[in-house]
Protein backbone atom coordinates (compact mmCIF):
# COMPACT_ATOMS: atom_id res chain seq x y z
CA MET A 1 -32.44 3.70 38.80
CA ASP A 2 -30.08 4.72 36.01
CA TYR A 3 -28.21 1.53 35.14
CA GLU A 4 -25.26 3.29 33.48
CA SER A 5 -24.57 5.68 36.36
CA ASN A 6 -24.77 2.86 38.95
CA SER A 7 -23.17 0.06 37.01
CA TRP A 8 -20.56 -0.31 39.78
CA ILE A 9 -23.32 -1.54 42.11
CA TRP A 10 -24.29 -4.36 39.77
CA GLU A 11 -20.62 -5.26 39.24
CA GLY A 12 -20.30 -5.45 43.04
CA VAL A 13 -23.26 -7.80 43.29
CA TYR A 14 -21.71 -10.08 40.70
CA TYR A 15 -18.06 -10.11 41.82
CA TYR A 16 -18.45 -9.68 45.61
CA PRO A 17 -21.88 -11.19 46.59
CA HIS A 18 -21.04 -11.88 50.27
CA LEU A 19 -19.39 -8.52 50.91
CA PHE A 20 -22.19 -6.75 49.08
CA GLY A 21 -24.81 -8.51 51.25
CA GLY A 22 -23.03 -7.41 54.43
CA LEU A 23 -22.86 -3.83 53.27
CA MET A 24 -26.54 -3.86 52.42
CA LEU A 25 -27.31 -5.05 55.97
CA THR A 26 -25.12 -2.27 57.40
CA ALA A 27 -26.96 0.21 55.19
CA ALA A 28 -30.27 -0.92 56.61
CA LEU A 29 -29.01 -0.51 60.20
CA LEU A 30 -27.59 2.93 59.39
CA GLY A 31 -30.94 3.90 57.91
CA LEU A 32 -32.64 2.99 61.19
CA SER A 33 -30.07 4.84 63.30
CA THR A 34 -30.27 8.04 61.25
CA SER A 35 -34.02 8.10 61.59
CA TYR A 36 -33.61 7.54 65.37
CA PHE A 37 -31.02 10.28 65.85
CA ALA A 38 -32.94 12.58 63.47
CA GLY A 39 -30.53 15.05 62.05
CA VAL A 40 -27.20 13.33 62.59
CA GLY A 41 -25.80 13.32 59.07
CA VAL A 42 -24.34 10.15 57.65
CA PRO A 43 -22.38 10.26 54.42
CA SER A 44 -24.21 8.67 51.51
CA LEU A 45 -23.37 5.04 50.98
CA PRO A 46 -22.37 5.33 47.34
CA PHE A 47 -19.81 7.97 48.37
CA LEU A 48 -18.27 5.61 50.93
CA TRP A 49 -18.22 2.66 48.58
CA SER A 50 -16.65 4.63 45.74
CA ASP A 51 -13.78 5.55 48.03
CA PHE A 52 -13.16 1.90 48.82
CA GLY A 53 -12.53 1.30 45.12
CA ILE A 54 -13.48 -2.34 45.44
CA PHE A 55 -16.09 -2.25 42.70
CA HIS A 56 -14.08 -0.33 40.10
CA LYS A 57 -12.58 -2.69 37.56
CA LYS A 58 -9.44 -1.34 36.00
CA LYS A 59 -10.00 -0.85 32.31
CA HIS A 60 -6.81 -1.00 30.30
CA GLU A 61 -6.71 -0.16 26.62
CA LYS A 62 -5.52 -3.05 24.49
CA LYS A 63 -1.87 -2.61 23.52
CA ARG A 64 -1.51 -1.69 19.87
CA ILE A 65 0.76 -4.11 18.03
CA ARG A 66 3.42 -2.41 15.92
CA VAL A 67 5.03 -4.37 13.12
CA TYR A 68 8.04 -3.57 10.97
CA MET A 69 8.81 -4.52 7.40
CA ASP A 70 11.66 -3.28 5.25
CA GLY A 71 12.67 -3.41 1.63
CA CYS A 72 14.30 -1.62 -1.26
CA PHE A 73 10.92 -0.87 -2.90
CA ASP A 74 12.68 -0.13 -6.16
CA LEU A 75 10.25 -0.01 -9.10
CA MET A 76 7.29 -0.20 -6.72
CA HIS A 77 4.69 -2.72 -7.85
CA TYR A 78 1.56 -4.46 -6.58
CA GLY A 79 3.71 -7.23 -5.07
CA HIS A 80 5.32 -4.70 -2.72
CA ALA A 81 1.89 -3.27 -1.92
CA ASN A 82 0.45 -6.70 -1.18
CA ALA A 83 3.37 -7.56 1.10
CA LEU A 84 2.77 -4.41 3.12
CA ARG A 85 -0.97 -5.10 3.18
CA GLN A 86 -0.28 -8.54 4.66
CA ALA A 87 2.19 -7.09 7.16
CA LYS A 88 -0.36 -4.51 8.35
CA ALA A 89 -2.86 -7.35 8.90
CA LEU A 90 -0.48 -8.86 11.48
CA GLY A 91 -0.64 -5.76 13.70
CA ASP A 92 -2.31 -2.43 14.27
CA GLU A 93 0.42 -0.07 13.05
CA LEU A 94 2.88 -0.68 10.23
CA VAL A 95 6.34 0.90 10.23
CA VAL A 96 8.26 0.49 6.97
CA GLY A 97 12.02 0.73 6.54
CA VAL A 98 13.28 1.91 3.14
CA VAL A 99 16.78 0.55 2.52
CA SER A 100 19.46 3.12 1.66
CA ASP A 101 20.97 3.47 -1.81
CA GLU A 102 24.37 2.42 -0.47
CA GLU A 103 23.01 -0.78 1.06
CA ILE A 104 21.15 -1.68 -2.15
CA ILE A 105 24.29 -1.19 -4.24
CA ALA A 106 26.33 -3.34 -1.83
CA ASN A 107 23.80 -6.20 -1.68
CA LYS A 108 21.86 -6.18 -4.98
CA GLY A 109 23.17 -3.67 -7.49
CA PRO A 110 22.27 -0.10 -8.50
CA PRO A 111 18.71 1.05 -7.66
CA VAL A 112 16.59 2.54 -10.43
CA LEU A 113 14.73 5.03 -8.23
CA SER A 114 16.24 7.56 -5.83
CA MET A 115 15.60 7.44 -2.08
CA GLU A 116 13.23 10.41 -2.40
CA GLU A 117 11.16 8.61 -5.04
CA ARG A 118 11.06 5.36 -3.08
CA LEU A 119 9.99 7.19 0.08
CA ALA A 120 7.16 8.91 -1.83
CA LEU A 121 5.95 5.56 -3.16
CA VAL A 122 6.01 3.81 0.23
CA SER A 123 4.44 6.76 2.07
CA GLY A 124 1.69 6.84 -0.53
CA LEU A 125 0.46 3.32 0.28
CA LYS A 126 -2.79 3.10 2.25
CA TRP A 127 -1.46 0.51 4.73
CA VAL A 128 1.68 2.37 5.84
CA ASP A 129 1.64 4.36 9.11
CA GLU A 130 5.31 5.37 9.50
CA VAL A 131 8.45 5.26 7.35
CA ILE A 132 12.09 4.91 8.39
CA ALA A 133 14.47 6.23 5.71
CA ASN A 134 17.91 4.71 5.04
CA ALA A 135 17.22 1.45 6.84
CA PRO A 136 19.95 -1.23 6.75
CA TYR A 137 19.61 -4.25 4.47
CA GLU A 138 20.51 -6.61 7.32
CA ILE A 139 18.67 -6.68 10.65
CA THR A 140 21.73 -6.17 12.86
CA GLU A 141 21.69 -6.42 16.66
CA LYS A 142 22.04 -2.65 16.99
CA PHE A 143 19.25 -1.89 14.55
CA MET A 144 16.99 -4.55 16.06
CA GLY A 145 17.51 -2.95 19.47
CA SER A 146 16.55 0.40 17.97
CA LEU A 147 13.38 -1.09 16.51
CA PHE A 148 12.32 -2.66 19.80
CA ASN A 149 13.30 0.17 22.15
CA GLU A 150 12.92 3.39 20.15
CA HIS A 151 10.20 2.47 17.67
CA ASN A 152 8.32 0.06 19.98
CA ILE A 153 8.21 -2.66 17.34
CA ASP A 154 6.67 -5.97 18.41
CA TYR A 155 7.39 -8.08 15.32
CA ILE A 156 9.62 -7.95 12.25
CA ILE A 157 7.95 -9.18 9.05
CA HIS A 158 9.32 -10.65 5.81
CA GLY A 159 8.07 -12.80 2.95
CA ASP A 160 8.58 -16.56 2.62
CA ASP A 161 11.26 -16.01 -0.05
CA PRO A 162 14.82 -16.02 1.31
CA CYS A 163 16.68 -12.73 1.81
CA LEU A 164 20.38 -13.54 1.76
CA LEU A 165 23.44 -11.39 2.37
CA PRO A 166 26.43 -11.55 0.01
CA ASP A 167 28.04 -14.20 2.27
CA GLY A 168 24.94 -16.39 1.97
CA THR A 169 23.60 -15.84 5.50
CA ASP A 170 19.99 -14.95 6.37
CA ALA A 171 19.45 -11.18 6.76
CA TYR A 172 16.71 -11.87 9.35
CA ALA A 173 18.51 -14.51 11.42
CA LEU A 174 18.70 -12.36 14.57
CA ALA A 175 15.01 -11.49 14.49
CA LYS A 176 14.13 -15.17 14.15
CA ARG A 177 16.34 -16.14 17.09
CA ALA A 178 14.75 -13.39 19.19
CA GLY A 179 11.32 -14.89 18.55
CA ARG A 180 10.06 -11.60 17.12
CA TYR A 181 9.79 -12.65 13.47
CA LYS A 182 6.67 -13.33 11.43
CA GLN A 183 6.38 -14.49 7.83
CA ILE A 184 3.97 -13.56 5.07
CA LYS A 185 3.27 -15.07 1.68
CA ARG A 186 5.16 -13.72 -1.30
CA THR A 187 3.01 -12.33 -4.12
CA GLU A 188 3.56 -14.45 -7.19
CA GLY A 189 4.14 -13.25 -10.72
CA VAL A 190 6.11 -10.05 -10.21
CA SER A 191 9.36 -8.66 -8.87
CA SER A 192 11.58 -5.67 -9.53
CA THR A 193 13.94 -8.05 -11.34
CA ASP A 194 11.09 -9.19 -13.56
CA ILE A 195 10.08 -5.60 -14.37
CA VAL A 196 13.64 -4.64 -15.32
CA GLY A 197 13.65 -7.65 -17.63
CA ARG A 198 10.38 -6.55 -19.21
CA ILE A 199 11.75 -3.05 -19.83
CA LEU A 200 14.94 -4.35 -21.44
CA SER A 201 12.91 -6.75 -23.59
CA SER A 202 10.54 -3.97 -24.62
CA ALA A 203 13.50 -1.82 -25.60
CA ARG A 204 14.82 -4.64 -27.81
CA ASP A 205 11.37 -5.12 -29.32
CA ALA A 206 11.15 -1.40 -30.10
CA LYS A 207 14.54 -1.52 -31.82
CA ASP A 208 13.58 -4.64 -33.77
CA CYS A 209 10.31 -2.96 -34.73
CA GLN A 210 12.23 -0.03 -36.23
CA ASP A 211 14.55 -2.39 -38.05
CA CYS A 212 11.63 -4.24 -39.68
CA ASN A 213 9.49 -1.16 -40.37
CA GLY A 214 7.07 -1.77 -37.52
CA THR A 215 5.85 -5.24 -38.54
CA SER A 216 6.11 -6.78 -35.06
CA LEU A 217 2.97 -6.98 -32.95
CA HIS A 218 2.64 -6.01 -29.30
CA GLY A 219 2.58 -9.12 -27.13
CA GLU A 220 4.35 -11.20 -29.85
CA PRO A 221 8.10 -10.57 -29.44
CA HIS A 222 10.60 -11.50 -32.11
CA LYS A 223 12.50 -14.74 -31.83
CA GLU A 224 15.64 -12.77 -31.05
CA SER A 225 13.88 -11.26 -28.03
CA GLU A 226 12.71 -14.68 -26.92
CA SER A 227 16.21 -16.04 -27.07
CA LYS A 228 17.41 -13.22 -24.88
CA GLY A 229 14.75 -13.88 -22.27
CA ALA A 230 11.78 -11.64 -23.05
CA GLN A 231 9.58 -11.26 -20.01
CA ILE A 232 5.91 -12.22 -19.91
CA SER A 233 3.80 -11.42 -16.85
CA GLN A 234 2.94 -14.43 -14.70
CA PHE A 235 0.36 -12.55 -12.64
CA LEU A 236 -2.92 -14.41 -12.14
CA PRO A 237 -5.52 -11.83 -11.09
CA THR A 238 -8.41 -12.88 -8.86
CA SER A 239 -11.50 -11.01 -7.70
CA ARG A 240 -10.41 -11.60 -4.10
CA ARG A 241 -7.15 -9.73 -4.64
CA ILE A 242 -8.99 -6.75 -6.08
CA VAL A 243 -11.34 -6.73 -3.09
CA GLN A 244 -8.37 -6.85 -0.72
CA PHE A 245 -6.93 -3.72 -2.31
CA SER A 246 -10.23 -1.87 -2.61
CA ASN A 247 -11.62 0.56 -0.03
CA GLY A 248 -15.01 -1.04 -0.54
CA LYS A 249 -16.86 2.25 -0.13
CA GLY A 250 -18.71 4.40 -2.59
CA PRO A 251 -19.00 8.19 -2.55
CA ALA A 252 -21.36 9.97 -0.15
CA PRO A 253 -24.63 11.29 -1.70
CA ASN A 254 -23.35 14.85 -2.08
CA ALA A 255 -19.67 14.07 -2.58
CA ARG A 256 -17.61 16.06 -5.08
CA ILE A 257 -16.21 13.33 -7.34
CA VAL A 258 -12.93 14.03 -9.15
CA TYR A 259 -11.91 11.92 -12.15
CA ILE A 260 -8.41 11.40 -13.50
CA ASP A 261 -7.34 8.80 -16.06
CA GLY A 262 -4.18 7.40 -17.60
CA ALA A 263 -2.06 4.30 -18.11
CA PHE A 264 -0.29 4.52 -14.73
CA ASP A 265 2.36 2.17 -16.10
CA LEU A 266 5.44 1.45 -13.92
CA PHE A 267 3.68 3.21 -11.02
CA HIS A 268 6.11 5.91 -9.85
CA ALA A 269 6.44 8.93 -7.55
CA GLY A 270 5.01 11.23 -10.22
CA HIS A 271 1.82 9.19 -10.21
CA VAL A 272 1.56 9.37 -6.41
CA GLU A 273 1.95 13.14 -6.36
CA ILE A 274 -0.55 13.88 -9.14
CA LEU A 275 -3.09 11.59 -7.45
CA ARG A 276 -2.53 13.44 -4.18
CA SER A 277 -3.09 16.74 -5.96
CA ALA A 278 -6.24 15.46 -7.69
CA ARG A 279 -7.70 14.17 -4.42
CA GLN A 280 -7.37 17.63 -2.86
CA HIS A 281 -9.89 18.99 -5.38
CA GLY A 282 -12.78 16.86 -4.13
CA ASP A 283 -14.17 14.33 -1.67
CA PHE A 284 -13.81 11.17 -3.76
CA LEU A 285 -11.12 10.31 -6.32
CA LEU A 286 -12.12 8.04 -9.21
CA VAL A 287 -9.24 6.87 -11.41
CA GLY A 288 -9.66 5.47 -14.92
CA ILE A 289 -7.05 2.88 -16.00
CA HIS A 290 -6.74 2.59 -19.77
CA THR A 291 -6.75 -0.82 -21.46
CA ASP A 292 -3.54 -2.38 -22.75
CA GLN A 293 -4.75 -1.85 -26.33
CA THR A 294 -5.47 1.85 -25.71
CA VAL A 295 -2.02 2.36 -24.18
CA SER A 296 -0.32 0.58 -27.08
CA GLU A 297 -2.22 2.61 -29.68
CA ASN A 298 -1.22 5.90 -28.09
CA ARG A 299 2.31 5.17 -26.85
CA GLY A 300 3.73 2.46 -29.07
CA ASN A 301 3.76 -1.32 -29.22
CA GLN A 302 6.39 -1.64 -26.48
CA TYR A 303 3.88 -0.29 -23.94
CA PRO A 304 2.45 -0.98 -21.47
CA ILE A 305 5.18 -2.65 -19.43
CA MET A 306 2.62 -3.76 -16.82
CA HIS A 307 -0.72 -5.13 -17.96
CA LEU A 308 -4.13 -3.74 -17.01
CA HIS A 309 -4.77 -5.68 -13.80
CA GLU A 310 -1.25 -5.08 -12.50
CA ARG A 311 -1.60 -1.35 -13.12
CA SER A 312 -5.05 -1.29 -11.53
CA LEU A 313 -3.79 -2.86 -8.30
CA SER A 314 -0.90 -0.41 -8.06
CA VAL A 315 -3.32 2.51 -8.32
CA LEU A 316 -5.82 0.95 -5.88
CA ALA A 317 -3.05 0.61 -3.29
CA CYS A 318 -2.51 4.38 -3.26
CA ARG A 319 -3.99 6.07 -0.19
CA TYR A 320 -5.38 8.98 -2.23
CA VAL A 321 -7.50 6.76 -4.51
CA ASP A 322 -11.06 5.79 -3.63
CA GLU A 323 -12.07 3.76 -6.68
CA VAL A 324 -10.79 2.74 -10.13
CA ILE A 325 -12.39 1.96 -13.47
CA ILE A 326 -10.55 -1.08 -14.80
CA GLY A 327 -10.33 -0.56 -18.56
CA ALA A 328 -11.54 3.04 -18.80
CA PRO A 329 -12.27 4.43 -22.29
CA TRP A 330 -9.87 6.90 -23.90
CA GLU A 331 -12.58 9.54 -24.28
CA VAL A 332 -14.45 10.97 -21.29
CA THR A 333 -18.07 10.99 -22.52
CA LYS A 334 -21.21 12.76 -21.30
CA ASP A 335 -22.74 9.40 -20.40
CA MET A 336 -19.69 8.49 -18.34
CA ILE A 337 -19.83 11.81 -16.46
CA SER A 338 -23.51 11.24 -15.66
CA THR A 339 -23.05 7.57 -14.71
CA PHE A 340 -20.36 8.30 -12.14
CA ASN A 341 -21.70 11.74 -11.13
CA ILE A 342 -18.32 13.31 -11.91
CA SER A 343 -17.94 16.91 -10.75
CA LEU A 344 -14.43 17.59 -12.08
CA VAL A 345 -12.10 15.99 -14.63
CA VAL A 346 -8.39 16.66 -14.17
CA HIS A 347 -5.15 15.89 -16.00
CA GLY A 348 -1.50 16.56 -15.15
CA THR A 349 0.83 18.86 -17.07
CA VAL A 350 3.51 16.15 -17.12
CA ALA A 351 2.28 13.09 -18.99
CA GLU A 352 3.05 10.91 -22.00
CA ASN A 353 1.77 12.33 -25.31
CA ASN A 354 0.07 15.46 -24.01
CA SER A 355 0.18 16.63 -27.65
CA LEU A 356 -2.82 14.34 -28.29
CA LEU A 357 -5.02 16.39 -25.98
CA THR A 358 -6.02 18.96 -28.60
CA GLY A 359 -8.25 19.05 -31.66
CA GLU A 360 -10.74 16.37 -32.68
CA ASN A 361 -8.84 13.61 -30.88
CA ASP A 362 -8.92 15.44 -27.55
CA PRO A 363 -10.35 12.90 -25.03
CA TYR A 364 -11.44 15.74 -22.74
CA LYS A 365 -13.43 17.84 -25.20
CA VAL A 366 -16.76 16.97 -23.49
CA PRO A 367 -15.73 17.95 -19.93
CA LYS A 368 -14.04 21.04 -21.38
CA SER A 369 -17.29 22.05 -23.10
CA MET A 370 -19.13 21.53 -19.79
CA GLY A 371 -16.62 23.69 -17.90
CA ILE A 372 -15.59 20.88 -15.55
CA PHE A 373 -12.04 20.23 -16.79
CA ARG A 374 -8.90 21.44 -15.03
CA LEU A 375 -5.22 21.01 -15.92
CA LEU A 376 -3.17 20.38 -12.79
CA GLU A 377 0.47 21.35 -12.42
CA SER A 378 2.34 18.05 -11.99
CA PRO A 379 4.43 18.12 -8.79
CA LYS A 380 7.16 15.90 -10.29
CA ASN A 381 8.70 15.75 -13.76
CA ILE A 382 8.68 11.96 -13.99
CA THR A 383 7.11 9.73 -16.64
CA THR A 384 7.05 5.99 -17.34
CA THR A 385 9.35 6.59 -20.29
CA SER A 386 11.88 8.55 -18.23
CA VAL A 387 12.02 5.72 -15.65
CA ALA A 388 12.46 3.11 -18.39
CA GLU A 389 15.20 5.19 -20.00
CA ARG A 390 17.23 5.09 -16.78
CA ILE A 391 17.37 1.31 -17.09
CA ILE A 392 18.01 1.27 -20.81
CA ALA A 393 20.82 3.83 -20.46
CA ASN A 394 22.55 1.59 -17.90
CA HIS A 395 21.40 -1.71 -19.33
CA GLU A 396 24.70 -3.50 -18.75
CA ALA A 397 24.63 -2.79 -15.00
CA TYR A 398 20.99 -3.86 -14.75
CA MET A 399 21.52 -6.99 -16.85
CA LYS A 400 24.28 -7.96 -14.43
CA ARG A 401 22.02 -7.21 -11.46
CA ASN A 402 19.22 -9.24 -13.03
CA ALA A 403 21.44 -12.23 -13.74
CA LYS A 404 22.43 -12.29 -10.07
CA LYS A 405 18.86 -12.00 -8.81
CA ALA A 406 17.37 -14.31 -11.44
CA GLU A 407 19.42 -17.22 -10.12
CA SER A 408 18.08 -16.84 -6.57
CA GLU A 409 14.51 -16.42 -7.86
CA LYS A 410 14.87 -19.54 -10.01
CA LYS A 411 15.96 -21.49 -6.95
CA TYR A 412 13.05 -20.07 -4.92
CA TYR A 413 10.47 -21.19 -7.48
CA ALA A 414 12.11 -24.63 -7.79
CA GLU A 415 11.85 -25.19 -4.02
CA LYS A 416 8.61 -23.24 -3.48
CA LYS A 417 5.98 -24.73 -1.19
CA TYR A 418 2.48 -23.58 -0.42
CA VAL A 419 2.28 -20.99 2.36
CA SER A 420 -1.17 -20.48 3.86
CA GLY A 421 -2.71 -17.07 4.22
CA ASP A 422 -2.40 -13.84 2.25
């Protein structure tokens, strides 16, 4: 007997032993009577039993849990990515609300990135399933009803750091009272406020460097910068965090591997779009992240804003990236191409210092000589420098914004307690 096709019989034996025994006895009697009446047809027993429906267990698919998390996501960094990774772990589908420009201005100060850029960054994260544009900063009763009824959200997620409105009240108070709120652990060592501070400090260092004929060293700011609050990264990288961000899969045996490298400093919408474009040219996208020293040598002592491990995590979080080389060399060598089985090396038309990509110092001369290099048209005209210049050009507004946020962050760290899980 085929077990699969008659599994309902065995379920009947298990769940309804007495009824099943009676039916078996009836079957035996019917078998005798049909042989006696010779020719009087009796419907087959399985047909009768299947109509009763008593042995068919209803199989319901498990309800998929949908969670919601919102934010400004201005100057997207690995802390944002890690928050969304944790939120996704609390459900099956993650819906992300991107707060409108108007709401950011009213509650925090002017955003650096436009709504379009912030949407591109959030949509480009591997853990995000849906995005809601122009979300409110506060979870109001009306918006919460929309989340529950229209978007089928089960839980609203936020970090353990407080999110206060201008009047000092909790922006998530209603969600907490409704019992539909869950908390995640804030990622230490980075924030948009911190990054703005780093950029402003780097700009001062660059100016000081010009004033003293370039005698200052990268990573050793002048005393004047220190007195004004120069920012130093507090990020403590661990192997576990890298594993959490990684896909954990290598390329298939015959995969077409595409390689692209760069600093990927202040990870922005231009980075997302060029990585998307690069991924379309193969089956597996390998991204090389240059060392801090390499970036400084080629862009100036004020760069990079984010150090190597911070930049690597930002790239790893992108849905178009399969693997990264942490600390990739400036030059793409023959040995490197063979080691990683690279089929194509690409580079965007919009990048910092593209003038260096010619002559003897051209880092792509080997793949070019092999006929496996391609220059890709960059979808967006954005660079790390252009993003930094937005802040420097409006430094007074951002210094005011930072002073406001720095106070709340100082209080958070002073009262911080350990939160389990991440």
